[in-house]
Structure formats: structure tokens, C-alpha cells
Amino acid sequence: MDYALLTTDGPVPDAMPEVLSRAFGVPVSQTDVSDASELESRNWDALVTCEHERLHGDLTWSLFIYATARVQQRPTEQELAALLAQRLNAPVFFESAHRLPWIRQVAAPGGGLTLARVFDTDTGPPGLVVEAAEAPIAAFPALPIEPFPEVGHGPSPGPDRVAGGQAPGPPVSGPAEDSEGSEGSAT
């Protein structure tokens, strides 16, 4: 089973062994966290591995996580993203149930989900930019907030879809109504 996550700057490599151990129910010694280009010093026998890569743009970390068939505890991608967002105190982006390549679900550090549009950068080094979101994301205070008609739901995100707890109204209490855990790779 594999997972593909994106996040903003932070202590990602240092946080991952603990996050993987907790999420997958394996000892830290059975995890491997390595730069995508590092092949020499990996723990090839680890039950859960995480390859990380630095990116340019708004999202500066790409994480590819793999759990072997021997791992019994298997979180959904949404559950793993939520745990990592909480640990890093940063938003974590993952593949949306809508399967549109530019739409990502976003797990907020304080709980809750929203959707965001993410595109490759047009200028400079290759990277990813967050163009807009359906609800505020604390890490991107100037981000335009707008409905996404391409995902086929109503115009208002509502308080249960707010990431980062910035919208007026009741606090975010849980996942959005259209948030299914997805398993698979994302860009």
C-alpha cells in the first residue's frame, strides 16, 4: 500500500519516523525515512518506508510512503495526512476523491479538511503552487477562497470544510462530507 503526500516547509524528515510508527503500529526501528536520491544507507528491510524530496514553490516536501504486506495497521491516506498535519503543525495535501489531478484535499493541523487547487509552477525551477482553496488555510493567509465548480458540489464550503479554523462559525469538528480516504499516488 502506498501514500503520496505534499506539505509545506518544516522538520519533515525528523518527524516522519514517529509519525510512521504511530500511524502503522510498527516500531520506529522498522521504519526508514530517506531522501529520494539516497540509496546507500536505507533500511531495506523496514516494514514502512518514506522517501522525501524537496520541492520548489508553495509545497516544499513530497512524501512517498510505502507499507509492506506484513503491516497490519493501515490508515487511510486522509488519516495519515491528518496525523502528519497535527505533528508538523502544517497543512498536508493529498489526492482528492474527485480524482481531478489539480484538486487536492488538505488536512489542517487543527483538524478538518478543505480542497485546494494545486498546479505546477510556470516559471523558475519546477515546483507546485497553491492557486486557491474552498476554505481558509492558515499557512496561506492571502490565498483566494472560492468554490470549485469542477468538483460538483454547492457554492459554499460550510464550516465543516474549513481548514485551519479561520472561518467564522463553529469550530471544525471533522472531515468534509465528500472526503473519502484515497489510496494511491498523487503528483
N, C-alpha and C. Protein backbone atom coordinates (compact mmCIF):
# COMPACT_ATOMS: atom_id res chain seq x y z
N MET A 1 0.84 -1.16 0.00
CA MET A 1 0.00 0.00 0.00
C MET A 1 0.89 1.23 0.00
N ASP A 2 0.56 2.21 -0.84
CA ASP A 2 1.38 3.42 -0.87
C ASP A 2 0.53 4.66 -0.70
N TYR A 3 1.21 5.74 -0.30
CA TYR A 3 0.60 7.02 0.01
C TYR A 3 1.47 8.11 -0.58
N ALA A 4 0.85 9.17 -1.09
CA ALA A 4 1.59 10.31 -1.62
C ALA A 4 1.05 11.57 -0.96
N LEU A 5 1.93 12.27 -0.26
CA LEU A 5 1.55 13.47 0.48
C LEU A 5 2.46 14.63 0.10
N LEU A 6 1.94 15.84 0.23
CA LEU A 6 2.70 17.06 0.00
C LEU A 6 2.48 17.97 1.19
N THR A 7 3.51 18.73 1.58
CA THR A 7 3.34 19.67 2.68
C THR A 7 4.28 20.85 2.51
N THR A 8 4.15 21.79 3.44
CA THR A 8 4.96 23.00 3.42
C THR A 8 6.24 22.76 4.21
N ASP A 9 7.06 23.78 4.28
CA ASP A 9 8.35 23.68 4.95
C ASP A 9 8.18 23.29 6.42
N GLY A 10 9.12 22.55 6.92
CA GLY A 10 9.09 22.12 8.31
C GLY A 10 10.05 20.97 8.54
N PRO A 11 10.08 20.44 9.75
CA PRO A 11 11.01 19.36 10.11
C PRO A 11 10.51 17.99 9.64
N VAL A 12 10.19 17.88 8.38
CA VAL A 12 9.55 16.67 7.86
C VAL A 12 10.38 15.40 8.08
N PRO A 13 11.63 15.33 7.62
CA PRO A 13 12.38 14.07 7.82
C PRO A 13 12.50 13.67 9.28
N ASP A 14 12.68 14.64 10.18
CA ASP A 14 12.82 14.33 11.60
C ASP A 14 11.52 13.82 12.21
N ALA A 15 10.39 14.31 11.73
CA ALA A 15 9.08 13.93 12.30
C ALA A 15 8.58 12.57 11.78
N MET A 16 9.02 12.17 10.61
CA MET A 16 8.42 11.01 9.96
C MET A 16 8.57 9.68 10.69
N PRO A 17 9.72 9.31 11.28
CA PRO A 17 9.78 8.01 11.94
C PRO A 17 8.70 7.84 13.01
N GLU A 18 8.51 8.85 13.85
CA GLU A 18 7.48 8.79 14.89
C GLU A 18 6.08 8.72 14.29
N VAL A 19 5.82 9.52 13.27
CA VAL A 19 4.51 9.52 12.62
C VAL A 19 4.22 8.16 11.99
N LEU A 20 5.20 7.61 11.29
CA LEU A 20 5.00 6.30 10.65
C LEU A 20 4.79 5.21 11.69
N SER A 21 5.56 5.25 12.77
CA SER A 21 5.42 4.25 13.82
C SER A 21 4.01 4.29 14.41
N ARG A 22 3.55 5.48 14.71
CA ARG A 22 2.21 5.63 15.30
C ARG A 22 1.11 5.26 14.31
N ALA A 23 1.22 5.74 13.09
CA ALA A 23 0.16 5.51 12.10
C ALA A 23 0.04 4.04 11.70
N PHE A 24 1.16 3.35 11.60
CA PHE A 24 1.15 1.98 11.10
C PHE A 24 1.32 0.93 12.19
N GLY A 25 1.52 1.38 13.44
CA GLY A 25 1.64 0.43 14.55
C GLY A 25 2.88 -0.44 14.47
N VAL A 26 4.00 0.14 14.03
CA VAL A 26 5.26 -0.59 13.96
C VAL A 26 6.31 0.15 14.79
N PRO A 27 7.34 -0.56 15.26
CA PRO A 27 8.40 0.14 16.00
C PRO A 27 9.15 1.11 15.07
N VAL A 28 9.67 2.18 15.66
CA VAL A 28 10.45 3.15 14.88
C VAL A 28 11.60 2.45 14.14
N SER A 29 12.17 1.42 14.76
CA SER A 29 13.28 0.69 14.13
C SER A 29 12.85 -0.02 12.84
N GLN A 30 11.55 -0.18 12.65
CA GLN A 30 11.04 -0.83 11.44
C GLN A 30 10.55 0.18 10.41
N THR A 31 11.01 1.42 10.53
CA THR A 31 10.70 2.46 9.55
C THR A 31 11.99 2.92 8.90
N ASP A 32 11.88 3.41 7.70
CA ASP A 32 13.02 4.02 7.02
C ASP A 32 12.55 5.32 6.39
N VAL A 33 13.26 6.39 6.68
CA VAL A 33 12.97 7.70 6.10
C VAL A 33 14.23 8.16 5.40
N SER A 34 14.14 8.32 4.07
CA SER A 34 15.33 8.65 3.29
C SER A 34 15.00 9.65 2.19
N ASP A 35 16.00 10.45 1.86
CA ASP A 35 15.89 11.30 0.69
C ASP A 35 15.71 10.40 -0.53
N ALA A 36 14.90 10.84 -1.47
CA ALA A 36 14.61 10.03 -2.66
C ALA A 36 15.88 9.63 -3.41
N SER A 37 16.93 10.45 -3.33
CA SER A 37 18.16 10.14 -4.05
C SER A 37 19.12 9.27 -3.26
N GLU A 38 18.84 9.03 -1.98
CA GLU A 38 19.71 8.23 -1.12
C GLU A 38 19.40 6.76 -1.25
N LEU A 39 20.38 5.97 -1.66
CA LEU A 39 20.17 4.53 -1.79
C LEU A 39 21.11 3.72 -0.89
N GLU A 40 22.21 4.29 -0.50
CA GLU A 40 23.25 3.57 0.23
C GLU A 40 22.86 3.21 1.67
N SER A 41 22.30 4.14 2.41
CA SER A 41 22.11 3.91 3.84
C SER A 41 20.66 3.60 4.25
N ARG A 42 19.87 3.13 3.34
CA ARG A 42 18.48 2.80 3.65
C ARG A 42 18.36 1.49 4.43
N ASN A 43 17.28 1.40 5.18
CA ASN A 43 16.94 0.15 5.84
C ASN A 43 15.99 -0.59 4.89
N TRP A 44 16.53 -1.41 4.04
CA TRP A 44 15.75 -2.08 3.01
C TRP A 44 14.80 -3.13 3.59
N ASP A 45 15.00 -3.50 4.85
CA ASP A 45 14.12 -4.48 5.49
C ASP A 45 12.99 -3.83 6.29
N ALA A 46 12.90 -2.51 6.27
CA ALA A 46 11.88 -1.80 7.05
C ALA A 46 10.48 -2.19 6.58
N LEU A 47 9.54 -2.19 7.53
CA LEU A 47 8.15 -2.50 7.20
C LEU A 47 7.44 -1.32 6.55
N VAL A 48 7.86 -0.10 6.91
CA VAL A 48 7.27 1.11 6.36
C VAL A 48 8.41 2.04 5.94
N THR A 49 8.34 2.52 4.71
CA THR A 49 9.38 3.42 4.21
C THR A 49 8.76 4.74 3.77
N CYS A 50 9.57 5.78 3.82
CA CYS A 50 9.16 7.11 3.36
C CYS A 50 10.31 7.72 2.59
N GLU A 51 10.07 7.98 1.32
CA GLU A 51 11.02 8.74 0.50
C GLU A 51 10.55 10.18 0.50
N HIS A 52 11.45 11.09 0.81
CA HIS A 52 11.09 12.51 0.77
C HIS A 52 11.94 13.24 -0.26
N GLU A 53 11.35 14.28 -0.81
CA GLU A 53 12.04 15.08 -1.82
C GLU A 53 11.67 16.54 -1.61
N ARG A 54 12.69 17.41 -1.62
CA ARG A 54 12.46 18.84 -1.52
C ARG A 54 11.93 19.35 -2.85
N LEU A 55 10.94 20.24 -2.78
CA LEU A 55 10.35 20.85 -3.96
C LEU A 55 10.49 22.36 -3.88
N HIS A 56 10.21 23.03 -4.98
CA HIS A 56 10.17 24.49 -5.02
C HIS A 56 8.71 24.91 -5.05
N GLY A 57 8.44 26.14 -4.66
CA GLY A 57 7.07 26.65 -4.70
C GLY A 57 6.42 26.62 -3.34
N ASP A 58 5.09 26.62 -3.32
CA ASP A 58 4.33 26.66 -2.07
C ASP A 58 4.44 25.37 -1.27
N LEU A 59 4.49 24.26 -1.95
CA LEU A 59 4.60 22.95 -1.30
C LEU A 59 6.03 22.48 -1.44
N THR A 60 6.74 22.38 -0.33
CA THR A 60 8.19 22.17 -0.39
C THR A 60 8.64 20.75 -0.05
N TRP A 61 7.70 19.89 0.31
CA TRP A 61 8.05 18.49 0.57
C TRP A 61 7.09 17.56 -0.14
N SER A 62 7.65 16.59 -0.84
CA SER A 62 6.89 15.49 -1.43
C SER A 62 7.27 14.23 -0.66
N LEU A 63 6.26 13.49 -0.23
CA LEU A 63 6.49 12.28 0.56
C LEU A 63 5.82 11.10 -0.12
N PHE A 64 6.58 10.05 -0.34
CA PHE A 64 6.01 8.81 -0.86
C PHE A 64 6.23 7.76 0.21
N ILE A 65 5.14 7.21 0.73
CA ILE A 65 5.19 6.28 1.85
C ILE A 65 4.68 4.92 1.37
N TYR A 66 5.39 3.88 1.77
CA TYR A 66 5.03 2.53 1.36
C TYR A 66 5.01 1.63 2.60
N ALA A 67 3.93 0.86 2.75
CA ALA A 67 3.81 -0.14 3.82
C ALA A 67 3.80 -1.52 3.19
N THR A 68 4.64 -2.42 3.70
CA THR A 68 4.70 -3.77 3.16
C THR A 68 3.43 -4.54 3.53
N ALA A 69 3.25 -5.68 2.90
CA ALA A 69 2.07 -6.51 3.15
C ALA A 69 2.04 -7.04 4.58
N ARG A 70 3.18 -7.08 5.26
CA ARG A 70 3.23 -7.56 6.65
C ARG A 70 2.66 -6.57 7.65
N VAL A 71 2.43 -5.33 7.24
CA VAL A 71 1.89 -4.31 8.15
C VAL A 71 0.39 -4.51 8.28
N GLN A 72 -0.08 -4.70 9.52
CA GLN A 72 -1.50 -4.96 9.75
C GLN A 72 -2.32 -3.68 9.87
N GLN A 73 -1.77 -2.67 10.51
CA GLN A 73 -2.49 -1.41 10.72
C GLN A 73 -2.25 -0.50 9.52
N ARG A 74 -3.32 -0.23 8.77
CA ARG A 74 -3.19 0.55 7.54
C ARG A 74 -4.16 1.73 7.56
N PRO A 75 -3.65 2.92 7.88
CA PRO A 75 -4.52 4.09 7.88
C PRO A 75 -4.91 4.47 6.46
N THR A 76 -6.00 5.19 6.33
CA THR A 76 -6.33 5.76 5.02
C THR A 76 -5.35 6.91 4.77
N GLU A 77 -5.29 7.36 3.54
CA GLU A 77 -4.42 8.49 3.22
C GLU A 77 -4.87 9.72 4.01
N GLN A 78 -6.17 9.88 4.17
CA GLN A 78 -6.70 11.01 4.94
C GLN A 78 -6.27 10.93 6.40
N GLU A 79 -6.32 9.75 7.01
CA GLU A 79 -5.90 9.59 8.40
C GLU A 79 -4.41 9.88 8.57
N LEU A 80 -3.61 9.39 7.64
CA LEU A 80 -2.17 9.65 7.69
C LEU A 80 -1.88 11.13 7.51
N ALA A 81 -2.57 11.78 6.58
CA ALA A 81 -2.38 13.22 6.34
C ALA A 81 -2.77 14.01 7.59
N ALA A 82 -3.86 13.64 8.24
CA ALA A 82 -4.30 14.35 9.44
C ALA A 82 -3.28 14.21 10.57
N LEU A 83 -2.75 13.01 10.76
CA LEU A 83 -1.75 12.79 11.79
C LEU A 83 -0.49 13.61 11.51
N LEU A 84 -0.03 13.61 10.28
CA LEU A 84 1.17 14.37 9.91
C LEU A 84 0.92 15.87 10.04
N ALA A 85 -0.25 16.35 9.63
CA ALA A 85 -0.58 17.78 9.76
C ALA A 85 -0.53 18.21 11.22
N GLN A 86 -1.06 17.38 12.09
CA GLN A 86 -1.05 17.69 13.52
C GLN A 86 0.38 17.72 14.04
N ARG A 87 1.17 16.73 13.68
CA ARG A 87 2.55 16.63 14.19
C ARG A 87 3.43 17.77 13.67
N LEU A 88 3.26 18.16 12.40
CA LEU A 88 4.07 19.22 11.80
C LEU A 88 3.51 20.62 12.06
N ASN A 89 2.26 20.68 12.50
CA ASN A 89 1.55 21.95 12.60
C ASN A 89 1.58 22.67 11.25
N ALA A 90 1.28 21.90 10.21
CA ALA A 90 1.29 22.42 8.84
C ALA A 90 0.24 21.67 8.03
N PRO A 91 -0.29 22.31 6.98
CA PRO A 91 -1.26 21.61 6.14
C PRO A 91 -0.59 20.49 5.36
N VAL A 92 -1.34 19.41 5.15
CA VAL A 92 -0.84 18.29 4.35
C VAL A 92 -1.84 18.03 3.23
N PHE A 93 -1.33 18.01 2.01
CA PHE A 93 -2.14 17.87 0.81
C PHE A 93 -2.06 16.43 0.32
N PHE A 94 -3.20 15.90 -0.15
CA PHE A 94 -3.23 14.54 -0.68
C PHE A 94 -4.29 14.44 -1.75
N GLU A 95 -4.28 13.32 -2.48
CA GLU A 95 -5.19 13.13 -3.60
C GLU A 95 -6.64 13.25 -3.16
N SER A 96 -7.41 13.97 -3.96
CA SER A 96 -8.82 14.16 -3.68
C SER A 96 -9.63 12.98 -4.21
N ALA A 97 -10.75 12.71 -3.56
CA ALA A 97 -11.67 11.68 -4.03
C ALA A 97 -12.25 12.05 -5.39
N HIS A 98 -12.13 13.31 -5.78
CA HIS A 98 -12.66 13.77 -7.07
C HIS A 98 -11.80 13.34 -8.24
N ARG A 99 -10.60 12.90 -7.97
CA ARG A 99 -9.68 12.37 -8.99
C ARG A 99 -9.33 13.36 -10.09
N LEU A 100 -9.49 14.65 -9.81
CA LEU A 100 -9.02 15.68 -10.74
C LEU A 100 -7.58 15.97 -10.33
N PRO A 101 -6.63 15.90 -11.25
CA PRO A 101 -5.23 16.00 -10.86
C PRO A 101 -4.83 17.32 -10.20
N TRP A 102 -5.55 18.39 -10.43
CA TRP A 102 -5.20 19.68 -9.85
C TRP A 102 -5.93 19.95 -8.53
N ILE A 103 -6.88 19.10 -8.16
CA ILE A 103 -7.61 19.27 -6.90
C ILE A 103 -7.01 18.35 -5.85
N ARG A 104 -6.63 18.93 -4.71
CA ARG A 104 -6.07 18.18 -3.59
C ARG A 104 -6.93 18.41 -2.35
N GLN A 105 -7.07 17.39 -1.55
CA GLN A 105 -7.65 17.58 -0.23
C GLN A 105 -6.53 18.08 0.66
N VAL A 106 -6.92 18.84 1.67
CA VAL A 106 -5.94 19.42 2.59
C VAL A 106 -6.38 19.12 4.01
N ALA A 107 -5.51 18.44 4.75
CA ALA A 107 -5.74 18.20 6.18
C ALA A 107 -5.09 19.34 6.95
N ALA A 108 -5.87 19.97 7.83
CA ALA A 108 -5.37 21.09 8.62
C ALA A 108 -4.77 20.60 9.93
N PRO A 109 -3.79 21.33 10.47
CA PRO A 109 -3.16 20.91 11.72
C PRO A 109 -4.14 20.79 12.89
N GLY A 110 -5.16 21.64 12.92
CA GLY A 110 -6.12 21.60 14.00
C GLY A 110 -7.32 20.72 13.73
N GLY A 111 -7.28 19.97 12.64
CA GLY A 111 -8.39 19.13 12.24
C GLY A 111 -9.16 19.76 11.10
N GLY A 112 -9.98 19.00 10.46
CA GLY A 112 -10.79 19.48 9.35
C GLY A 112 -10.09 19.34 8.01
N LEU A 113 -10.90 19.48 6.97
CA LEU A 113 -10.43 19.32 5.61
C LEU A 113 -10.99 20.43 4.73
N THR A 114 -10.29 20.71 3.66
CA THR A 114 -10.81 21.54 2.61
C THR A 114 -10.21 21.03 1.30
N LEU A 115 -10.57 21.67 0.21
CA LEU A 115 -10.00 21.36 -1.09
C LEU A 115 -9.15 22.53 -1.55
N ALA A 116 -8.11 22.25 -2.32
CA ALA A 116 -7.25 23.29 -2.87
C ALA A 116 -6.90 22.94 -4.30
N ARG A 117 -6.68 23.99 -5.11
CA ARG A 117 -6.17 23.80 -6.47
C ARG A 117 -4.66 23.93 -6.42
N VAL A 118 -3.97 22.93 -6.96
CA VAL A 118 -2.51 22.90 -6.96
C VAL A 118 -2.04 22.68 -8.39
N PHE A 119 -1.11 23.53 -8.82
CA PHE A 119 -0.58 23.44 -10.18
C PHE A 119 0.94 23.46 -10.17
N ASP A 120 1.53 22.96 -11.25
CA ASP A 120 2.97 23.08 -11.45
C ASP A 120 3.29 24.56 -11.68
N THR A 121 4.47 24.99 -11.23
CA THR A 121 4.88 26.38 -11.46
C THR A 121 5.14 26.61 -12.93
N ASP A 122 4.83 27.82 -13.37
CA ASP A 122 5.07 28.19 -14.77
C ASP A 122 6.44 28.79 -14.98
N THR A 123 7.02 29.33 -13.93
CA THR A 123 8.32 29.99 -14.06
C THR A 123 9.28 29.43 -13.03
N GLY A 124 10.55 29.63 -13.27
CA GLY A 124 11.57 29.20 -12.32
C GLY A 124 11.71 27.69 -12.28
N PRO A 125 12.33 27.21 -11.21
CA PRO A 125 12.53 25.76 -11.08
C PRO A 125 11.18 25.05 -10.94
N PRO A 126 11.13 23.78 -11.32
CA PRO A 126 9.88 23.03 -11.18
C PRO A 126 9.42 23.02 -9.73
N GLY A 127 8.14 23.16 -9.55
CA GLY A 127 7.58 23.16 -8.21
C GLY A 127 6.07 23.18 -8.28
N LEU A 128 5.45 23.35 -7.13
CA LEU A 128 3.99 23.35 -7.03
C LEU A 128 3.50 24.62 -6.35
N VAL A 129 2.43 25.20 -6.88
CA VAL A 129 1.82 26.38 -6.28
C VAL A 129 0.37 26.07 -5.93
N VAL A 130 -0.06 26.64 -4.82
CA VAL A 130 -1.46 26.51 -4.39
C VAL A 130 -2.17 27.76 -4.92
N GLU A 131 -3.12 27.56 -5.84
CA GLU A 131 -3.77 28.67 -6.51
C GLU A 131 -4.97 29.21 -5.73
N ALA A 132 -5.76 28.35 -5.12
CA ALA A 132 -6.96 28.75 -4.39
C ALA A 132 -7.39 27.60 -3.50
N ALA A 133 -8.30 27.90 -2.58
CA ALA A 133 -8.87 26.88 -1.71
C ALA A 133 -10.35 27.18 -1.51
N GLU A 134 -11.08 26.17 -1.08
CA GLU A 134 -12.50 26.37 -0.81
C GLU A 134 -12.73 26.95 0.59
N ALA A 135 -11.74 26.89 1.45
CA ALA A 135 -11.82 27.45 2.79
C ALA A 135 -10.42 27.92 3.18
N PRO A 136 -10.32 28.84 4.14
CA PRO A 136 -9.00 29.35 4.52
C PRO A 136 -8.06 28.24 5.00
N ILE A 137 -6.79 28.42 4.65
CA ILE A 137 -5.71 27.55 5.12
C ILE A 137 -4.73 28.46 5.82
N ALA A 138 -4.51 28.25 7.11
CA ALA A 138 -3.70 29.16 7.93
C ALA A 138 -2.32 29.44 7.34
N ALA A 139 -1.68 28.46 6.73
CA ALA A 139 -0.35 28.64 6.17
C ALA A 139 -0.33 29.52 4.93
N PHE A 140 -1.50 29.78 4.37
CA PHE A 140 -1.62 30.59 3.15
C PHE A 140 -2.67 31.69 3.36
N PRO A 141 -2.38 32.69 4.21
CA PRO A 141 -3.40 33.68 4.56
C PRO A 141 -3.90 34.52 3.39
N ALA A 142 -3.11 34.70 2.34
CA ALA A 142 -3.53 35.51 1.20
C ALA A 142 -4.17 34.69 0.08
N LEU A 143 -4.34 33.40 0.30
CA LEU A 143 -4.88 32.51 -0.72
C LEU A 143 -6.33 32.86 -1.05
N PRO A 144 -6.68 32.98 -2.33
CA PRO A 144 -8.08 33.23 -2.69
C PRO A 144 -8.97 32.07 -2.23
N ILE A 145 -10.13 32.41 -1.69
CA ILE A 145 -11.11 31.43 -1.23
C ILE A 145 -12.29 31.49 -2.20
N GLU A 146 -12.61 30.34 -2.80
CA GLU A 146 -13.68 30.31 -3.79
C GLU A 146 -14.22 28.90 -3.93
N PRO A 147 -15.46 28.77 -4.38
CA PRO A 147 -15.99 27.42 -4.63
C PRO A 147 -15.32 26.83 -5.87
N PHE A 148 -15.27 25.52 -5.92
CA PHE A 148 -14.69 24.81 -7.05
C PHE A 148 -15.82 24.12 -7.81
N PRO A 149 -16.36 24.75 -8.84
CA PRO A 149 -17.48 24.15 -9.56
C PRO A 149 -17.12 22.82 -10.23
N GLU A 150 -15.86 22.61 -10.53
CA GLU A 150 -15.46 21.38 -11.21
C GLU A 150 -15.61 20.14 -10.34
N VAL A 151 -15.77 20.31 -9.02
CA VAL A 151 -15.94 19.13 -8.17
C VAL A 151 -17.41 18.79 -7.96
N GLY A 152 -18.32 19.64 -8.41
CA GLY A 152 -19.73 19.29 -8.44
C GLY A 152 -20.48 19.35 -7.13
N HIS A 153 -20.12 20.27 -6.25
CA HIS A 153 -20.95 20.46 -5.06
C HIS A 153 -21.31 21.92 -4.93
N GLY A 154 -22.12 22.26 -3.97
CA GLY A 154 -22.68 23.60 -3.81
C GLY A 154 -21.62 24.68 -3.68
N PRO A 155 -22.04 25.94 -3.78
CA PRO A 155 -21.10 27.05 -3.82
C PRO A 155 -20.44 27.39 -2.49
N SER A 156 -21.01 27.00 -1.36
CA SER A 156 -20.44 27.39 -0.08
C SER A 156 -19.76 26.21 0.58
N PRO A 157 -18.49 26.39 1.01
CA PRO A 157 -17.80 25.29 1.64
C PRO A 157 -18.38 24.90 2.99
N GLY A 158 -18.97 25.82 3.73
CA GLY A 158 -19.56 25.50 5.02
C GLY A 158 -18.50 25.29 6.08
N PRO A 159 -18.89 25.41 7.37
CA PRO A 159 -17.90 25.33 8.44
C PRO A 159 -17.24 23.97 8.59
N ASP A 160 -17.89 22.89 8.13
CA ASP A 160 -17.26 21.58 8.29
C ASP A 160 -16.18 21.33 7.25
N ARG A 161 -15.96 22.28 6.34
CA ARG A 161 -14.93 22.12 5.31
C ARG A 161 -13.79 23.08 5.51
N VAL A 162 -13.74 23.79 6.62
CA VAL A 162 -12.73 24.80 6.85
C VAL A 162 -11.44 24.15 7.34
N ALA A 163 -10.33 24.56 6.76
CA ALA A 163 -9.03 24.11 7.23
C ALA A 163 -8.39 25.24 8.02
N GLY A 164 -7.79 24.94 9.11
CA GLY A 164 -7.07 25.93 9.88
C GLY A 164 -7.93 26.75 10.83
N GLY A 165 -9.22 26.52 10.86
CA GLY A 165 -10.10 27.16 11.81
C GLY A 165 -10.21 28.66 11.67
N GLN A 166 -10.12 29.22 10.46
CA GLN A 166 -10.14 30.66 10.30
C GLN A 166 -11.51 31.21 9.93
N ALA A 167 -12.43 30.40 9.55
CA ALA A 167 -13.73 30.92 9.12
C ALA A 167 -14.61 31.17 10.34
N PRO A 168 -15.52 32.15 10.23
CA PRO A 168 -16.43 32.37 11.33
C PRO A 168 -17.37 31.18 11.49
N GLY A 169 -17.96 31.07 12.65
CA GLY A 169 -18.89 29.97 12.88
C GLY A 169 -18.29 28.95 13.81
N PRO A 170 -18.96 27.82 13.93
CA PRO A 170 -18.48 26.79 14.86
C PRO A 170 -17.14 26.23 14.44
N PRO A 171 -16.37 25.72 15.41
CA PRO A 171 -15.06 25.16 15.06
C PRO A 171 -15.21 23.92 14.19
N VAL A 172 -14.16 23.64 13.47
CA VAL A 172 -14.14 22.46 12.61
C VAL A 172 -14.23 21.23 13.48
N SER A 173 -15.18 20.36 13.16
CA SER A 173 -15.36 19.19 14.01
C SER A 173 -14.99 17.89 13.36
N GLY A 174 -14.79 17.88 12.06
CA GLY A 174 -14.45 16.61 11.42
C GLY A 174 -14.29 16.76 9.95
N PRO A 175 -14.16 15.64 9.25
CA PRO A 175 -13.92 15.66 7.82
C PRO A 175 -15.12 16.17 7.04
N ALA A 176 -14.82 16.64 5.83
CA ALA A 176 -15.86 17.13 4.93
C ALA A 176 -16.73 15.98 4.46
N GLU A 177 -17.94 16.31 4.03
CA GLU A 177 -18.89 15.28 3.61
C GLU A 177 -18.43 14.52 2.38
N ASP A 178 -17.55 15.10 1.59
CA ASP A 178 -17.11 14.40 0.38
C ASP A 178 -15.69 13.87 0.54
N SER A 179 -15.23 13.71 1.75
CA SER A 179 -13.86 13.29 1.96
C SER A 179 -13.78 11.80 2.20
N GLU A 180 -13.42 11.10 1.17
CA GLU A 180 -13.16 9.67 1.29
C GLU A 180 -11.66 9.50 1.34
N GLY A 181 -11.20 8.56 2.15
CA GLY A 181 -9.78 8.26 2.14
C GLY A 181 -9.41 7.72 0.79
N SER A 182 -8.29 8.13 0.26
CA SER A 182 -7.88 7.59 -1.02
C SER A 182 -6.54 6.93 -0.85
N GLU A 183 -6.35 5.92 -1.58
CA GLU A 183 -5.08 5.21 -1.56
C GLU A 183 -4.55 5.22 -2.97
N GLY A 184 -3.34 5.64 -3.12
CA GLY A 184 -2.75 5.69 -4.44
C GLY A 184 -1.81 6.84 -4.50
N SER A 185 -1.17 6.98 -5.59
CA SER A 185 -0.16 8.01 -5.69
C SER A 185 -0.76 9.29 -6.23
N ALA A 186 -0.13 10.38 -5.84
CA ALA A 186 -0.53 11.70 -6.30
C ALA A 186 0.70 12.42 -6.78
N THR A 187 0.49 13.47 -7.51
CA THR A 187 1.62 14.24 -8.02
C THR A 187 2.01 15.28 -7.04
